[in-house]
Amino acid sequence: MSKFYEKTSSDWLYRAILELKNMEECRQFLDDLCTVSERKALEQRMQVAMLLDQGLIYSEILERTGASSATISRVNRCLQYGANGYRTIIQRLKEQEKETGNE
């Protein structure tokens, strides 16, 4: 077998994500990769993270997103004690909004 295929499955996933060029490619990739419910769960978690970052409380987030308190708590725990993935992306999204004037 070619060395090309000797990467781990996580390597392939992360490399694939890094190769996406725009939102449409990302949407198409996630449509193929995930079930509808998996994609919706990822979208909901990101929305919860954004709302937590804005300082909203659990009840407001639950009302806006329909996310369970367990999901909100998990995302909050990741924001506070996680690997900084949410924080990195949220900061970059904020910077993009400032640059494009869509605050």
N, C-alpha and C. Protein backbone atom coordinates (compact mmCIF):
# COMPACT_ATOMS: atom_id res chain seq x y z
N MET A 1 0.84 -1.19 0.00
CA MET A 1 0.00 0.00 0.00
C MET A 1 0.89 1.25 0.00
N SER A 2 0.44 2.26 -0.67
CA SER A 2 1.15 3.53 -0.77
C SER A 2 1.22 4.21 0.59
N LYS A 3 2.32 4.93 0.87
CA LYS A 3 2.44 5.70 2.11
C LYS A 3 1.33 6.73 2.24
N PHE A 4 0.76 7.11 1.11
CA PHE A 4 -0.33 8.09 1.10
C PHE A 4 -1.47 7.64 2.02
N TYR A 5 -1.73 6.33 2.09
CA TYR A 5 -2.86 5.81 2.87
C TYR A 5 -2.47 5.37 4.27
N GLU A 6 -1.26 5.62 4.70
CA GLU A 6 -0.80 5.15 6.00
C GLU A 6 -1.08 6.11 7.15
N LYS A 7 -1.74 7.19 6.90
CA LYS A 7 -2.10 8.15 7.96
C LYS A 7 -3.21 7.55 8.83
N THR A 8 -3.33 8.08 10.05
CA THR A 8 -4.44 7.64 10.91
C THR A 8 -5.73 8.29 10.42
N SER A 9 -6.85 7.75 10.86
CA SER A 9 -8.14 8.31 10.44
C SER A 9 -8.30 9.75 10.90
N SER A 10 -7.79 10.08 12.09
CA SER A 10 -7.91 11.46 12.55
C SER A 10 -7.04 12.38 11.70
N ASP A 11 -5.85 11.91 11.29
CA ASP A 11 -5.02 12.72 10.40
C ASP A 11 -5.77 13.05 9.13
N TRP A 12 -6.44 12.06 8.55
CA TRP A 12 -7.17 12.29 7.30
C TRP A 12 -8.28 13.31 7.50
N LEU A 13 -8.99 13.19 8.60
CA LEU A 13 -10.09 14.12 8.86
C LEU A 13 -9.56 15.54 9.01
N TYR A 14 -8.57 15.73 9.84
CA TYR A 14 -8.05 17.07 10.11
C TYR A 14 -7.40 17.67 8.87
N ARG A 15 -6.68 16.86 8.13
CA ARG A 15 -6.08 17.35 6.88
C ARG A 15 -7.16 17.74 5.89
N ALA A 16 -8.21 16.94 5.81
CA ALA A 16 -9.31 17.25 4.89
C ALA A 16 -9.95 18.58 5.24
N ILE A 17 -10.19 18.81 6.53
CA ILE A 17 -10.79 20.08 6.96
C ILE A 17 -9.90 21.25 6.59
N LEU A 18 -8.60 21.09 6.76
CA LEU A 18 -7.67 22.17 6.42
C LEU A 18 -7.63 22.46 4.92
N GLU A 19 -8.05 21.53 4.10
CA GLU A 19 -8.04 21.73 2.65
C GLU A 19 -9.28 22.44 2.13
N LEU A 20 -10.30 22.61 2.95
CA LEU A 20 -11.52 23.28 2.50
C LEU A 20 -11.23 24.74 2.21
N LYS A 21 -11.74 25.24 1.09
CA LYS A 21 -11.40 26.58 0.62
C LYS A 21 -12.43 27.65 0.95
N ASN A 22 -13.69 27.25 1.15
CA ASN A 22 -14.74 28.24 1.40
C ASN A 22 -15.92 27.59 2.11
N MET A 23 -16.91 28.41 2.44
CA MET A 23 -18.06 27.92 3.18
C MET A 23 -18.84 26.86 2.42
N GLU A 24 -18.98 27.03 1.11
CA GLU A 24 -19.72 26.05 0.31
C GLU A 24 -19.02 24.70 0.33
N GLU A 25 -17.70 24.68 0.19
CA GLU A 25 -16.96 23.42 0.26
C GLU A 25 -17.12 22.79 1.64
N CYS A 26 -17.08 23.60 2.67
CA CYS A 26 -17.26 23.11 4.03
C CYS A 26 -18.64 22.50 4.21
N ARG A 27 -19.66 23.20 3.74
CA ARG A 27 -21.04 22.70 3.82
C ARG A 27 -21.17 21.37 3.08
N GLN A 28 -20.62 21.29 1.87
CA GLN A 28 -20.70 20.06 1.09
C GLN A 28 -19.99 18.90 1.79
N PHE A 29 -18.80 19.19 2.34
CA PHE A 29 -18.04 18.15 3.03
C PHE A 29 -18.80 17.64 4.25
N LEU A 30 -19.32 18.56 5.06
CA LEU A 30 -20.06 18.13 6.25
C LEU A 30 -21.37 17.43 5.89
N ASP A 31 -22.00 17.83 4.79
CA ASP A 31 -23.19 17.13 4.33
C ASP A 31 -22.88 15.68 3.99
N ASP A 32 -21.72 15.45 3.37
CA ASP A 32 -21.32 14.09 3.03
C ASP A 32 -20.82 13.31 4.25
N LEU A 33 -20.11 13.99 5.13
CA LEU A 33 -19.46 13.34 6.26
C LEU A 33 -20.42 12.99 7.39
N CYS A 34 -21.37 13.87 7.65
CA CYS A 34 -22.24 13.74 8.83
C CYS A 34 -23.69 13.45 8.43
N THR A 35 -24.40 12.81 9.35
CA THR A 35 -25.84 12.71 9.18
C THR A 35 -26.44 14.09 9.45
N VAL A 36 -27.68 14.27 9.08
CA VAL A 36 -28.34 15.55 9.33
C VAL A 36 -28.33 15.86 10.82
N SER A 37 -28.62 14.87 11.67
CA SER A 37 -28.67 15.13 13.11
C SER A 37 -27.28 15.42 13.68
N GLU A 38 -26.24 14.78 13.16
CA GLU A 38 -24.88 15.09 13.61
C GLU A 38 -24.49 16.52 13.24
N ARG A 39 -24.82 16.92 12.02
CA ARG A 39 -24.51 18.28 11.58
C ARG A 39 -25.28 19.30 12.41
N LYS A 40 -26.56 19.03 12.66
CA LYS A 40 -27.37 19.95 13.47
C LYS A 40 -26.80 20.07 14.88
N ALA A 41 -26.32 18.94 15.45
CA ALA A 41 -25.73 18.98 16.79
C ALA A 41 -24.47 19.84 16.80
N LEU A 42 -23.63 19.72 15.78
CA LEU A 42 -22.43 20.55 15.69
C LEU A 42 -22.79 22.02 15.55
N GLU A 43 -23.78 22.30 14.71
CA GLU A 43 -24.23 23.69 14.53
C GLU A 43 -24.77 24.26 15.84
N GLN A 44 -25.54 23.44 16.56
CA GLN A 44 -26.12 23.89 17.82
C GLN A 44 -25.03 24.17 18.85
N ARG A 45 -24.04 23.31 18.93
CA ARG A 45 -22.94 23.52 19.88
C ARG A 45 -22.20 24.82 19.59
N MET A 46 -21.98 25.08 18.32
CA MET A 46 -21.28 26.32 17.96
C MET A 46 -22.13 27.53 18.34
N GLN A 47 -23.43 27.45 18.10
CA GLN A 47 -24.32 28.55 18.47
C GLN A 47 -24.31 28.75 19.98
N VAL A 48 -24.35 27.66 20.73
CA VAL A 48 -24.30 27.74 22.19
C VAL A 48 -23.00 28.41 22.64
N ALA A 49 -21.88 28.02 22.03
CA ALA A 49 -20.59 28.62 22.39
C ALA A 49 -20.60 30.12 22.14
N MET A 50 -21.15 30.52 21.00
CA MET A 50 -21.21 31.95 20.68
C MET A 50 -22.06 32.70 21.69
N LEU A 51 -23.18 32.13 22.09
CA LEU A 51 -24.07 32.79 23.04
C LEU A 51 -23.45 32.83 24.43
N LEU A 52 -22.77 31.75 24.84
CA LEU A 52 -22.07 31.77 26.13
C LEU A 52 -20.99 32.85 26.12
N ASP A 53 -20.29 32.97 25.01
CA ASP A 53 -19.25 33.98 24.88
C ASP A 53 -19.84 35.39 25.00
N GLN A 54 -21.08 35.56 24.57
CA GLN A 54 -21.75 36.87 24.68
C GLN A 54 -22.27 37.13 26.10
N GLY A 55 -22.17 36.11 26.97
CA GLY A 55 -22.57 36.29 28.36
C GLY A 55 -24.01 35.91 28.66
N LEU A 56 -24.69 35.26 27.73
CA LEU A 56 -26.07 34.84 27.99
C LEU A 56 -26.09 33.73 29.03
N ILE A 57 -27.19 33.66 29.78
CA ILE A 57 -27.34 32.62 30.79
C ILE A 57 -28.03 31.40 30.18
N TYR A 58 -27.93 30.27 30.89
CA TYR A 58 -28.42 29.00 30.39
C TYR A 58 -29.85 29.07 29.90
N SER A 59 -30.74 29.68 30.68
CA SER A 59 -32.16 29.71 30.30
C SER A 59 -32.38 30.46 29.00
N GLU A 60 -31.64 31.55 28.79
CA GLU A 60 -31.75 32.30 27.53
C GLU A 60 -31.23 31.46 26.35
N ILE A 61 -30.14 30.76 26.58
CA ILE A 61 -29.56 29.93 25.52
C ILE A 61 -30.49 28.78 25.18
N LEU A 62 -31.05 28.16 26.21
CA LEU A 62 -32.00 27.06 25.98
C LEU A 62 -33.18 27.55 25.16
N GLU A 63 -33.69 28.73 25.50
CA GLU A 63 -34.84 29.30 24.79
C GLU A 63 -34.50 29.60 23.33
N ARG A 64 -33.31 30.15 23.08
CA ARG A 64 -32.91 30.52 21.71
C ARG A 64 -32.54 29.32 20.84
N THR A 65 -31.93 28.31 21.46
CA THR A 65 -31.35 27.22 20.66
C THR A 65 -32.08 25.89 20.78
N GLY A 66 -32.79 25.70 21.88
CA GLY A 66 -33.40 24.40 22.13
C GLY A 66 -32.40 23.37 22.64
N ALA A 67 -31.17 23.80 22.90
CA ALA A 67 -30.14 22.89 23.41
C ALA A 67 -30.49 22.45 24.82
N SER A 68 -30.14 21.23 25.14
CA SER A 68 -30.38 20.72 26.50
C SER A 68 -29.40 21.39 27.46
N SER A 69 -29.74 21.36 28.75
CA SER A 69 -28.84 21.93 29.74
C SER A 69 -27.53 21.15 29.77
N ALA A 70 -27.56 19.85 29.46
CA ALA A 70 -26.34 19.05 29.41
C ALA A 70 -25.43 19.53 28.29
N THR A 71 -26.00 19.85 27.13
CA THR A 71 -25.21 20.35 26.00
C THR A 71 -24.62 21.72 26.34
N ILE A 72 -25.43 22.59 26.91
CA ILE A 72 -24.95 23.92 27.29
C ILE A 72 -23.82 23.80 28.31
N SER A 73 -24.00 22.92 29.28
CA SER A 73 -22.99 22.71 30.31
C SER A 73 -21.70 22.16 29.71
N ARG A 74 -21.82 21.21 28.80
CA ARG A 74 -20.63 20.63 28.17
C ARG A 74 -19.86 21.68 27.37
N VAL A 75 -20.58 22.48 26.59
CA VAL A 75 -19.93 23.52 25.81
C VAL A 75 -19.27 24.54 26.74
N ASN A 76 -19.97 24.91 27.80
CA ASN A 76 -19.41 25.86 28.76
C ASN A 76 -18.14 25.31 29.41
N ARG A 77 -18.15 24.03 29.75
CA ARG A 77 -16.97 23.39 30.33
C ARG A 77 -15.80 23.45 29.34
N CYS A 78 -16.09 23.20 28.06
CA CYS A 78 -15.04 23.29 27.03
C CYS A 78 -14.51 24.71 26.90
N LEU A 79 -15.40 25.68 26.97
CA LEU A 79 -14.97 27.08 26.89
C LEU A 79 -14.07 27.44 28.08
N GLN A 80 -14.40 26.91 29.24
CA GLN A 80 -13.65 27.25 30.45
C GLN A 80 -12.37 26.44 30.62
N TYR A 81 -12.44 25.14 30.31
CA TYR A 81 -11.32 24.24 30.66
C TYR A 81 -10.85 23.37 29.50
N GLY A 82 -11.35 23.62 28.30
CA GLY A 82 -11.03 22.76 27.17
C GLY A 82 -9.71 23.11 26.50
N ALA A 83 -9.59 22.66 25.27
CA ALA A 83 -8.35 22.80 24.51
C ALA A 83 -8.27 24.14 23.77
N ASN A 84 -9.19 25.05 24.06
CA ASN A 84 -9.24 26.38 23.46
C ASN A 84 -9.69 26.39 22.00
N GLY A 85 -10.27 25.31 21.54
CA GLY A 85 -10.78 25.25 20.17
C GLY A 85 -11.89 26.26 19.93
N TYR A 86 -12.88 26.26 20.82
CA TYR A 86 -13.98 27.22 20.68
C TYR A 86 -13.44 28.65 20.77
N ARG A 87 -12.60 28.90 21.77
CA ARG A 87 -12.08 30.26 21.99
C ARG A 87 -11.31 30.76 20.76
N THR A 88 -10.50 29.90 20.18
CA THR A 88 -9.72 30.28 19.00
C THR A 88 -10.64 30.67 17.85
N ILE A 89 -11.63 29.84 17.59
CA ILE A 89 -12.54 30.08 16.47
C ILE A 89 -13.42 31.30 16.73
N ILE A 90 -13.93 31.43 17.94
CA ILE A 90 -14.78 32.58 18.26
C ILE A 90 -13.99 33.88 18.08
N GLN A 91 -12.76 33.90 18.55
CA GLN A 91 -11.93 35.10 18.39
C GLN A 91 -11.71 35.42 16.92
N ARG A 92 -11.43 34.41 16.12
CA ARG A 92 -11.21 34.64 14.69
C ARG A 92 -12.49 35.12 14.00
N LEU A 93 -13.62 34.57 14.38
CA LEU A 93 -14.89 35.01 13.80
C LEU A 93 -15.18 36.46 14.16
N LYS A 94 -14.89 36.84 15.41
CA LYS A 94 -15.07 38.23 15.83
C LYS A 94 -14.18 39.16 15.01
N GLU A 95 -12.93 38.75 14.81
CA GLU A 95 -12.00 39.56 14.03
C GLU A 95 -12.48 39.71 12.59
N GLN A 96 -12.99 38.63 12.02
CA GLN A 96 -13.54 38.71 10.66
C GLN A 96 -14.70 39.68 10.59
N GLU A 97 -15.57 39.63 11.59
CA GLU A 97 -16.72 40.53 11.62
C GLU A 97 -16.27 41.99 11.68
N LYS A 98 -15.25 42.26 12.47
CA LYS A 98 -14.72 43.63 12.56
C LYS A 98 -14.15 44.07 11.22
N GLU A 99 -13.40 43.18 10.57
CA GLU A 99 -12.77 43.50 9.29
C GLU A 99 -13.80 43.77 8.20
N THR A 100 -14.89 43.04 8.23
CA THR A 100 -15.90 43.20 7.19
C THR A 100 -16.97 44.21 7.58
N GLY A 101 -16.90 44.70 8.83
CA GLY A 101 -17.88 45.71 9.26
C GLY A 101 -19.27 45.16 9.52
N ASN A 102 -19.37 43.86 9.81
CA ASN A 102 -20.68 43.23 10.05
C ASN A 102 -20.93 42.97 11.52
N GLU A 103 -20.42 43.80 12.38
CA GLU A 103 -20.59 43.60 13.82
C GLU A 103 -22.03 43.74 14.23
